[in-house]
Amino acid sequence: MVALVCRSLFCTYIDPEIVFYTQFSKNKQAWSEKMSRDYGKKVVVCGGSTCAYSVMGHQFCPC
């Protein structure tokens, strides 16, 4: 039982990858709110490493 609690705490608060993506998500949420105020429309993709490196933003907006 102690091992389960320790692992849960590690995965939630200490694991560097989880901490990175949690902060990344918070930053993207703040950016999303700014885009809504400034432009009204937006596309926000938030996820793991696949979303961070394989999404081509210029394909969303044919500007």
C-alpha atoms as a PDB file:
ATOM      1  CA  MET A   1       0.000   0.000   0.000  1.00  0.00           C
ATOM      2  CA  VAL A   2       2.859   2.368   0.850  1.00  0.00           C
ATOM      3  CA  ALA A   3       4.457   1.640  -2.521  1.00  0.00           C
ATOM      4  CA  LEU A   4       1.220   2.539  -4.303  1.00  0.00           C
ATOM      5  CA  VAL A   5       0.969   5.855  -2.465  1.00  0.00           C
ATOM      6  CA  CYS A   6       4.646   6.672  -3.145  1.00  0.00           C
ATOM      7  CA  ARG A   7       4.292   5.826  -6.833  1.00  0.00           C
ATOM      8  CA  SER A   8       1.127   7.917  -7.113  1.00  0.00           C
ATOM      9  CA  LEU A   9       2.844  10.918  -5.536  1.00  0.00           C
ATOM     10  CA  PHE A  10       5.876  10.493  -7.774  1.00  0.00           C
ATOM     11  CA  CYS A  11       3.784  10.250 -10.936  1.00  0.00           C
ATOM     12  CA  THR A  12       1.694  13.274  -9.999  1.00  0.00           C
ATOM     13  CA  TYR A  13       4.194  15.733  -8.503  1.00  0.00           C
ATOM     14  CA  ILE A  14       7.805  14.664  -9.039  1.00  0.00           C
ATOM     15  CA  ASP A  15       8.120  12.939 -12.425  1.00  0.00           C
ATOM     16  CA  PRO A  16       9.956  15.486 -14.638  1.00  0.00           C
ATOM     17  CA  GLU A  17       7.957  14.633 -17.754  1.00  0.00           C
ATOM     18  CA  ILE A  18       4.608  15.094 -15.989  1.00  0.00           C
ATOM     19  CA  VAL A  19       5.791  18.349 -14.385  1.00  0.00           C
ATOM     20  CA  PHE A  20       6.981  19.605 -17.806  1.00  0.00           C
ATOM     21  CA  TYR A  21       3.715  18.815 -19.594  1.00  0.00           C
ATOM     22  CA  THR A  22       1.633  20.210 -16.726  1.00  0.00           C
ATOM     23  CA  GLN A  23       3.466  23.539 -16.970  1.00  0.00           C
ATOM     24  CA  PHE A  24       3.337  23.344 -20.758  1.00  0.00           C
ATOM     25  CA  SER A  25      -0.435  22.900 -20.593  1.00  0.00           C
ATOM     26  CA  LYS A  26      -0.829  25.872 -18.218  1.00  0.00           C
ATOM     27  CA  ASN A  27       1.255  28.078 -20.530  1.00  0.00           C
ATOM     28  CA  LYS A  28      -0.761  26.985 -23.549  1.00  0.00           C
ATOM     29  CA  GLN A  29      -4.023  27.733 -21.689  1.00  0.00           C
ATOM     30  CA  ALA A  30      -2.815  31.268 -20.902  1.00  0.00           C
ATOM     31  CA  TRP A  31      -1.785  31.737 -24.547  1.00  0.00           C
ATOM     32  CA  SER A  32      -5.168  30.404 -25.681  1.00  0.00           C
ATOM     33  CA  GLU A  33      -7.012  32.927 -23.512  1.00  0.00           C
ATOM     34  CA  LYS A  34      -4.867  35.749 -24.943  1.00  0.00           C
ATOM     35  CA  MET A  35      -5.593  34.590 -28.508  1.00  0.00           C
ATOM     36  CA  SER A  36      -9.331  34.555 -27.736  1.00  0.00           C
ATOM     37  CA  ARG A  37      -9.193  38.139 -26.478  1.00  0.00           C
ATOM     38  CA  ASP A  38      -7.041  39.381 -29.356  1.00  0.00           C
ATOM     39  CA  TYR A  39      -8.463  37.475 -32.351  1.00  0.00           C
ATOM     40  CA  GLY A  40     -11.620  35.618 -31.370  1.00  0.00           C
ATOM     41  CA  LYS A  41     -10.632  32.414 -33.221  1.00  0.00           C
ATOM     42  CA  LYS A  42      -7.960  29.871 -32.457  1.00  0.00           C
ATOM     43  CA  VAL A  43      -6.841  26.281 -32.747  1.00  0.00           C
ATOM     44  CA  VAL A  44      -4.983  24.955 -29.710  1.00  0.00           C
ATOM     45  CA  VAL A  45      -3.440  21.491 -29.677  1.00  0.00           C
ATOM     46  CA  CYS A  46      -2.216  20.200 -26.334  1.00  0.00           C
ATOM     47  CA  GLY A  47      -0.888  16.740 -25.714  1.00  0.00           C
ATOM     48  CA  GLY A  48       2.208  14.657 -25.372  1.00  0.00           C
ATOM     49  CA  SER A  49       5.343  14.647 -27.485  1.00  0.00           C
ATOM     50  CA  THR A  50       3.397  13.832 -30.653  1.00  0.00           C
ATOM     51  CA  CYS A  51       1.465  17.099 -30.396  1.00  0.00           C
ATOM     52  CA  ALA A  52       4.560  19.060 -29.447  1.00  0.00           C
ATOM     53  CA  TYR A  53       6.583  18.032 -32.511  1.00  0.00           C
ATOM     54  CA  SER A  54       4.339  16.760 -35.296  1.00  0.00           C
ATOM     55  CA  VAL A  55       1.643  19.438 -35.627  1.00  0.00           C
ATOM     56  CA  MET A  56       2.243  21.872 -38.488  1.00  0.00           C
ATOM     57  CA  GLY A  57       0.499  25.094 -37.505  1.00  0.00           C
ATOM     58  CA  HIS A  58       0.660  26.610 -40.978  1.00  0.00           C
ATOM     59  CA  GLN A  59      -1.693  23.875 -42.208  1.00  0.00           C
ATOM     60  CA  PHE A  60      -4.468  25.185 -39.925  1.00  0.00           C
ATOM     61  CA  CYS A  61      -4.417  28.681 -41.375  1.00  0.00           C
ATOM     62  CA  PRO A  62      -4.139  29.153 -45.135  1.00  0.00           C
ATOM     63  CA  CYS A  63      -3.043  32.760 -44.668  1.00  0.00           C
END
